Amino acid sequence: MNPVSGLTLHLVRHAPTLPNAQRRYPHPHEDAPLTEAGEVLARRLDLPRSALAFTSPLGRARQTARLAGFPDALPQPALAEARFGVMAGHTWAELEAVHGDAPRTWIDALSDPRSSHGPPGGDTGQGFHARVQAWLDTLPAGEVVAFTHAGPLLAALRLTVNLSAVATPPGTVATLRREAGHWWLTALRPPT
């Protein structure tokens, strides 16, 4: 087998920010910088420097890419976080206090590639997953690193290996392999 005939994709959730620590859903264009601990974590990421690199256009992902040694990572709108609509800026507890069980329904819909629903004013499951799938479909053979957010990372895992429940704290690296149209999860590394 020719080693460059397939694709190895390293999906990196950006390093920690203050909103991560607060467990708040982000606003669409929120550009919270990495915390000091996040900067340290980003510098420690062990990724193949020769890989083609992409990043979400949002600051926290770009900063993670730069500190990890990929200052020229190409911005890709498909790697931006999902739009959370009415959930943006709130914690889960705040949302439940105001909306009862509805937030669970919204998140479940957003997490379903077939759902035409999602948080009011935000992405639908179909739309969000279609955006991530369209990007996955453009990836060339070889080695790719992509700096993104929890939502797109989880969407990619659902779309490629049908993994729907996994913890991905900031700094997580998921490595996937695509060969002859089939995907495998080869590593899931939590932050160190």
C-alpha atoms as a PDB file:
ATOM      1  CA  MET A   1       0.000   0.000   0.000  1.00  0.00           C
ATOM      2  CA  ASN A   2       1.326   3.412  -0.959  1.00  0.00           C
ATOM      3  CA  PRO A   3       1.583   5.479   2.288  1.00  0.00           C
ATOM      4  CA  VAL A   4       0.411   8.662   0.553  1.00  0.00           C
ATOM      5  CA  SER A   5      -2.608   7.017  -1.093  1.00  0.00           C
ATOM      6  CA  GLY A   6      -4.657   7.514   2.061  1.00  0.00           C
ATOM      7  CA  LEU A   7      -5.305  10.404   4.379  1.00  0.00           C
ATOM      8  CA  THR A   8      -4.291  10.800   8.006  1.00  0.00           C
ATOM      9  CA  LEU A   9      -6.328  13.578   9.624  1.00  0.00           C
ATOM     10  CA  HIS A  10      -5.450  15.040  13.031  1.00  0.00           C
ATOM     11  CA  LEU A  11      -8.428  17.016  14.398  1.00  0.00           C
ATOM     12  CA  VAL A  12      -7.362  19.321  17.231  1.00  0.00           C
ATOM     13  CA  ARG A  13      -9.808  21.025  19.583  1.00  0.00           C
ATOM     14  CA  HIS A  14      -8.355  24.447  20.387  1.00  0.00           C
ATOM     15  CA  ALA A  15      -6.623  24.911  23.736  1.00  0.00           C
ATOM     16  CA  PRO A  16      -8.598  26.262  26.757  1.00  0.00           C
ATOM     17  CA  THR A  17     -10.173  29.717  26.980  1.00  0.00           C
ATOM     18  CA  LEU A  18     -12.027  31.432  29.825  1.00  0.00           C
ATOM     19  CA  PRO A  19     -15.475  30.650  28.284  1.00  0.00           C
ATOM     20  CA  ASN A  20     -14.439  26.960  28.241  1.00  0.00           C
ATOM     21  CA  ALA A  21     -13.723  27.138  31.968  1.00  0.00           C
ATOM     22  CA  GLN A  22     -17.082  28.855  32.511  1.00  0.00           C
ATOM     23  CA  ARG A  23     -18.742  26.115  30.400  1.00  0.00           C
ATOM     24  CA  ARG A  24     -20.547  28.769  28.365  1.00  0.00           C
ATOM     25  CA  TYR A  25     -21.790  28.258  24.803  1.00  0.00           C
ATOM     26  CA  PRO A  26     -19.901  30.695  22.558  1.00  0.00           C
ATOM     27  CA  HIS A  27     -21.338  33.458  20.412  1.00  0.00           C
ATOM     28  CA  PRO A  28     -20.719  32.913  16.663  1.00  0.00           C
ATOM     29  CA  HIS A  29     -17.841  35.374  16.301  1.00  0.00           C
ATOM     30  CA  GLU A  30     -16.539  35.230  19.877  1.00  0.00           C
ATOM     31  CA  ASP A  31     -12.768  35.464  19.858  1.00  0.00           C
ATOM     32  CA  ALA A  32     -11.774  34.681  23.424  1.00  0.00           C
ATOM     33  CA  PRO A  33      -7.991  34.275  23.688  1.00  0.00           C
ATOM     34  CA  LEU A  34      -6.374  31.207  25.187  1.00  0.00           C
ATOM     35  CA  THR A  35      -5.734  31.215  28.911  1.00  0.00           C
ATOM     36  CA  GLU A  36      -2.128  31.030  30.119  1.00  0.00           C
ATOM     37  CA  ALA A  37      -2.615  27.302  30.699  1.00  0.00           C
ATOM     38  CA  GLY A  38      -4.085  27.073  27.204  1.00  0.00           C
ATOM     39  CA  GLU A  39      -0.987  28.688  25.715  1.00  0.00           C
ATOM     40  CA  VAL A  40       1.231  26.182  27.529  1.00  0.00           C
ATOM     41  CA  LEU A  41      -0.924  23.278  26.321  1.00  0.00           C
ATOM     42  CA  ALA A  42      -0.890  24.545  22.709  1.00  0.00           C
ATOM     43  CA  ARG A  43       2.919  24.726  22.709  1.00  0.00           C
ATOM     44  CA  ARG A  44       3.083  21.093  23.912  1.00  0.00           C
ATOM     45  CA  LEU A  45       0.896  19.650  21.132  1.00  0.00           C
ATOM     46  CA  ASP A  46       2.842  16.957  19.313  1.00  0.00           C
ATOM     47  CA  LEU A  47       1.720  17.075  15.680  1.00  0.00           C
ATOM     48  CA  PRO A  48       3.475  16.299  12.375  1.00  0.00           C
ATOM     49  CA  ARG A  49       5.061  19.595  11.267  1.00  0.00           C
ATOM     50  CA  SER A  50       5.116  18.558   7.610  1.00  0.00           C
ATOM     51  CA  ALA A  51       1.315  18.174   7.473  1.00  0.00           C
ATOM     52  CA  LEU A  52      -0.980  20.428   5.491  1.00  0.00           C
ATOM     53  CA  ALA A  53      -2.636  22.585   8.178  1.00  0.00           C
ATOM     54  CA  PHE A  54      -6.086  24.155   8.365  1.00  0.00           C
ATOM     55  CA  THR A  55      -7.708  26.202  11.099  1.00  0.00           C
ATOM     56  CA  SER A  56     -11.065  27.604  12.067  1.00  0.00           C
ATOM     57  CA  PRO A  57     -11.080  31.332  11.286  1.00  0.00           C
ATOM     58  CA  LEU A  58     -11.786  32.073  14.966  1.00  0.00           C
ATOM     59  CA  GLY A  59      -8.983  33.463  17.125  1.00  0.00           C
ATOM     60  CA  ARG A  60      -8.757  30.687  19.700  1.00  0.00           C
ATOM     61  CA  ALA A  61      -8.151  28.060  16.999  1.00  0.00           C
ATOM     62  CA  ARG A  62      -5.719  30.287  15.058  1.00  0.00           C
ATOM     63  CA  GLN A  63      -3.799  31.015  18.277  1.00  0.00           C
ATOM     64  CA  THR A  64      -3.623  27.286  19.071  1.00  0.00           C
ATOM     65  CA  ALA A  65      -2.337  26.578  15.541  1.00  0.00           C
ATOM     66  CA  ARG A  66       0.322  29.285  15.776  1.00  0.00           C
ATOM     67  CA  LEU A  67       1.574  28.173  19.207  1.00  0.00           C
ATOM     68  CA  ALA A  68       1.593  24.513  18.078  1.00  0.00           C
ATOM     69  CA  GLY A  69       3.956  25.434  15.244  1.00  0.00           C
ATOM     70  CA  PHE A  70       1.513  26.024  12.373  1.00  0.00           C
ATOM     71  CA  PRO A  71       1.505  29.820  11.859  1.00  0.00           C
ATOM     72  CA  ASP A  72       0.489  29.439   8.201  1.00  0.00           C
ATOM     73  CA  ALA A  73      -2.537  27.170   8.787  1.00  0.00           C
ATOM     74  CA  LEU A  74      -5.191  27.948   6.183  1.00  0.00           C
ATOM     75  CA  PRO A  75      -8.473  29.368   7.579  1.00  0.00           C
ATOM     76  CA  GLN A  76     -11.498  27.216   6.722  1.00  0.00           C
ATOM     77  CA  PRO A  77     -15.014  28.490   7.567  1.00  0.00           C
ATOM     78  CA  ALA A  78     -16.192  24.853   7.734  1.00  0.00           C
ATOM     79  CA  LEU A  79     -14.050  24.400  10.864  1.00  0.00           C
ATOM     80  CA  ALA A  80     -15.815  27.201  12.807  1.00  0.00           C
ATOM     81  CA  GLU A  81     -17.943  26.220  15.784  1.00  0.00           C
ATOM     82  CA  ALA A  82     -21.650  25.567  15.353  1.00  0.00           C
ATOM     83  CA  ARG A  83     -23.967  28.525  15.789  1.00  0.00           C
ATOM     84  CA  PHE A  84     -25.874  27.992  19.028  1.00  0.00           C
ATOM     85  CA  GLY A  85     -28.571  30.651  18.556  1.00  0.00           C
ATOM     86  CA  VAL A  86     -30.447  31.389  21.797  1.00  0.00           C
ATOM     87  CA  MET A  87     -27.982  29.184  23.709  1.00  0.00           C
ATOM     88  CA  ALA A  88     -24.987  31.436  22.942  1.00  0.00           C
ATOM     89  CA  GLY A  89     -23.482  33.146  25.972  1.00  0.00           C
ATOM     90  CA  HIS A  90     -25.242  30.873  28.488  1.00  0.00           C
ATOM     91  CA  THR A  91     -24.296  27.905  30.633  1.00  0.00           C
ATOM     92  CA  TRP A  92     -26.348  24.704  30.656  1.00  0.00           C
ATOM     93  CA  ALA A  93     -27.739  25.538  34.113  1.00  0.00           C
ATOM     94  CA  GLU A  94     -28.862  28.980  32.931  1.00  0.00           C
ATOM     95  CA  LEU A  95     -30.524  27.484  29.873  1.00  0.00           C
ATOM     96  CA  GLU A  96     -32.400  24.847  31.888  1.00  0.00           C
ATOM     97  CA  ALA A  97     -33.538  27.469  34.391  1.00  0.00           C
ATOM     98  CA  VAL A  98     -35.148  29.479  31.577  1.00  0.00           C
ATOM     99  CA  HIS A  99     -36.105  26.814  29.006  1.00  0.00           C
ATOM    100  CA  GLY A 100     -36.601  23.615  31.028  1.00  0.00           C
ATOM    101  CA  ASP A 101     -35.926  20.477  28.964  1.00  0.00           C
ATOM    102  CA  ALA A 102     -35.835  22.302  25.604  1.00  0.00           C
ATOM    103  CA  PRO A 103     -32.012  22.748  25.532  1.00  0.00           C
ATOM    104  CA  ARG A 104     -31.561  18.948  25.571  1.00  0.00           C
ATOM    105  CA  THR A 105     -33.857  18.692  22.538  1.00  0.00           C
ATOM    106  CA  TRP A 106     -31.946  21.481  20.754  1.00  0.00           C
ATOM    107  CA  ILE A 107     -28.520  19.907  21.352  1.00  0.00           C
ATOM    108  CA  ASP A 108     -29.754  16.447  20.369  1.00  0.00           C
ATOM    109  CA  ALA A 109     -31.078  17.914  17.097  1.00  0.00           C
ATOM    110  CA  LEU A 110     -27.824  19.782  16.432  1.00  0.00           C
ATOM    111  CA  SER A 111     -25.917  16.522  17.031  1.00  0.00           C
ATOM    112  CA  ASP A 112     -28.032  14.606  14.490  1.00  0.00           C
ATOM    113  CA  PRO A 113     -26.817  14.826  10.870  1.00  0.00           C
ATOM    114  CA  ARG A 114     -30.370  14.114   9.666  1.00  0.00           C
ATOM    115  CA  SER A 115     -32.191  16.668  11.822  1.00  0.00           C
ATOM    116  CA  SER A 116     -33.762  19.764  10.319  1.00  0.00           C
ATOM    117  CA  HIS A 117     -33.862  21.275  13.822  1.00  0.00           C
ATOM    118  CA  GLY A 118     -31.389  22.820  16.244  1.00  0.00           C
ATOM    119  CA  PRO A 119     -31.258  25.661  18.766  1.00  0.00           C
ATOM    120  CA  PRO A 120     -33.630  28.504  17.802  1.00  0.00           C
ATOM    121  CA  GLY A 121     -31.627  30.993  15.741  1.00  0.00           C
ATOM    122  CA  GLY A 122     -28.727  28.543  15.361  1.00  0.00           C
ATOM    123  CA  ASP A 123     -27.566  25.784  13.055  1.00  0.00           C
ATOM    124  CA  THR A 124     -29.662  22.736  12.256  1.00  0.00           C
ATOM    125  CA  GLY A 125     -28.117  19.301  12.561  1.00  0.00           C
ATOM    126  CA  GLN A 126     -28.361  18.835   8.790  1.00  0.00           C
ATOM    127  CA  GLY A 127     -26.794  22.175   7.936  1.00  0.00           C
ATOM    128  CA  PHE A 128     -23.983  21.907  10.450  1.00  0.00           C
ATOM    129  CA  HIS A 129     -23.014  18.364   9.461  1.00  0.00           C
ATOM    130  CA  ALA A 130     -23.298  19.170   5.736  1.00  0.00           C
ATOM    131  CA  ARG A 131     -20.741  21.975   6.246  1.00  0.00           C
ATOM    132  CA  VAL A 132     -18.288  19.618   7.972  1.00  0.00           C
ATOM    133  CA  GLN A 133     -18.895  16.815   5.432  1.00  0.00           C
ATOM    134  CA  ALA A 134     -18.265  19.157   2.499  1.00  0.00           C
ATOM    135  CA  TRP A 135     -14.872  20.037   4.006  1.00  0.00           C
ATOM    136  CA  LEU A 136     -13.999  16.385   4.705  1.00  0.00           C
ATOM    137  CA  ASP A 137     -14.800  15.569   1.074  1.00  0.00           C
ATOM    138  CA  THR A 138     -12.173  18.075  -0.164  1.00  0.00           C
ATOM    139  CA  LEU A 139      -9.240  16.704   1.837  1.00  0.00           C
ATOM    140  CA  PRO A 140      -6.318  15.394  -0.206  1.00  0.00           C
ATOM    141  CA  ALA A 141      -4.301  12.271   0.437  1.00  0.00           C
ATOM    142  CA  GLY A 142      -1.387  12.704   2.802  1.00  0.00           C
ATOM    143  CA  GLU A 143      -1.278  14.160   6.304  1.00  0.00           C
ATOM    144  CA  VAL A 144      -3.569  16.960   7.470  1.00  0.00           C
ATOM    145  CA  VAL A 145      -3.856  18.825  10.788  1.00  0.00           C
ATOM    146  CA  ALA A 146      -7.038  20.808  11.488  1.00  0.00           C
ATOM    147  CA  PHE A 147      -7.464  23.172  14.451  1.00  0.00           C
ATOM    148  CA  THR A 148     -11.143  23.454  15.297  1.00  0.00           C
ATOM    149  CA  HIS A 149     -13.745  23.401  18.089  1.00  0.00           C
ATOM    150  CA  ALA A 150     -15.677  20.719  19.956  1.00  0.00           C
ATOM    151  CA  GLY A 151     -18.680  20.861  17.630  1.00  0.00           C
ATOM    152  CA  PRO A 152     -16.887  20.288  14.307  1.00  0.00           C
ATOM    153  CA  LEU A 153     -14.560  17.700  15.875  1.00  0.00           C
ATOM    154  CA  LEU A 154     -17.548  15.725  17.181  1.00  0.00           C
ATOM    155  CA  ALA A 155     -19.419  16.164  13.888  1.00  0.00           C
ATOM    156  CA  ALA A 156     -16.422  14.771  11.987  1.00  0.00           C
ATOM    157  CA  LEU A 157     -16.279  11.754  14.322  1.00  0.00           C
ATOM    158  CA  ARG A 158     -20.016  11.122  13.799  1.00  0.00           C
ATOM    159  CA  LEU A 159     -19.702  11.453  10.020  1.00  0.00           C
ATOM    160  CA  THR A 160     -16.587   9.317   9.593  1.00  0.00           C
ATOM    161  CA  VAL A 161     -16.682   6.568  12.247  1.00  0.00           C
ATOM    162  CA  ASN A 162     -20.197   6.995  13.674  1.00  0.00           C
ATOM    163  CA  LEU A 163     -18.829   7.879  17.130  1.00  0.00           C
ATOM    164  CA  SER A 164     -21.502   9.891  18.885  1.00  0.00           C
ATOM    165  CA  ALA A 165     -20.468  10.050  22.537  1.00  0.00           C
ATOM    166  CA  VAL A 166     -16.925  10.990  23.479  1.00  0.00           C
ATOM    167  CA  ALA A 167     -15.345  13.560  25.795  1.00  0.00           C
ATOM    168  CA  THR A 168     -13.183  16.082  23.925  1.00  0.00           C
ATOM    169  CA  PRO A 169     -11.840  18.652  26.395  1.00  0.00           C
ATOM    170  CA  PRO A 170      -9.860  21.590  24.978  1.00  0.00           C
ATOM    171  CA  GLY A 171      -6.577  20.336  23.550  1.00  0.00           C
ATOM    172  CA  THR A 172      -7.910  16.904  22.510  1.00  0.00           C
ATOM    173  CA  VAL A 173      -6.432  15.417  19.316  1.00  0.00           C
ATOM    174  CA  ALA A 174      -8.458  12.850  17.349  1.00  0.00           C
ATOM    175  CA  THR A 175      -6.557  11.062  14.583  1.00  0.00           C
ATOM    176  CA  LEU A 176      -8.480   9.477  11.731  1.00  0.00           C
ATOM    177  CA  ARG A 177      -7.304   7.456   8.744  1.00  0.00           C
ATOM    178  CA  ARG A 178      -9.123   7.336   5.405  1.00  0.00           C
ATOM    179  CA  GLU A 179      -8.202   4.619   2.934  1.00  0.00           C
ATOM    180  CA  ALA A 180     -10.233   3.602  -0.134  1.00  0.00           C
ATOM    181  CA  GLY A 181     -13.204   5.639   1.093  1.00  0.00           C
ATOM    182  CA  HIS A 182     -13.302   4.046   4.568  1.00  0.00           C
ATOM    183  CA  TRP A 183     -12.476   5.848   7.821  1.00  0.00           C
ATOM    184  CA  TRP A 184     -10.884   4.539  11.039  1.00  0.00           C
ATOM    185  CA  LEU A 185     -10.256   6.286  14.334  1.00  0.00           C
ATOM    186  CA  THR A 186      -6.612   5.494  15.075  1.00  0.00           C
ATOM    187  CA  ALA A 187      -6.039   7.627  18.194  1.00  0.00           C
ATOM    188  CA  LEU A 188      -7.918   9.855  20.626  1.00  0.00           C
ATOM    189  CA  ARG A 189      -5.493  11.801  22.800  1.00  0.00           C
ATOM    190  CA  PRO A 190      -6.731  13.909  25.673  1.00  0.00           C
ATOM    191  CA  PRO A 191      -4.715  17.019  26.549  1.00  0.00           C
ATOM    192  CA  THR A 192      -1.553  16.486  28.568  1.00  0.00           C
END
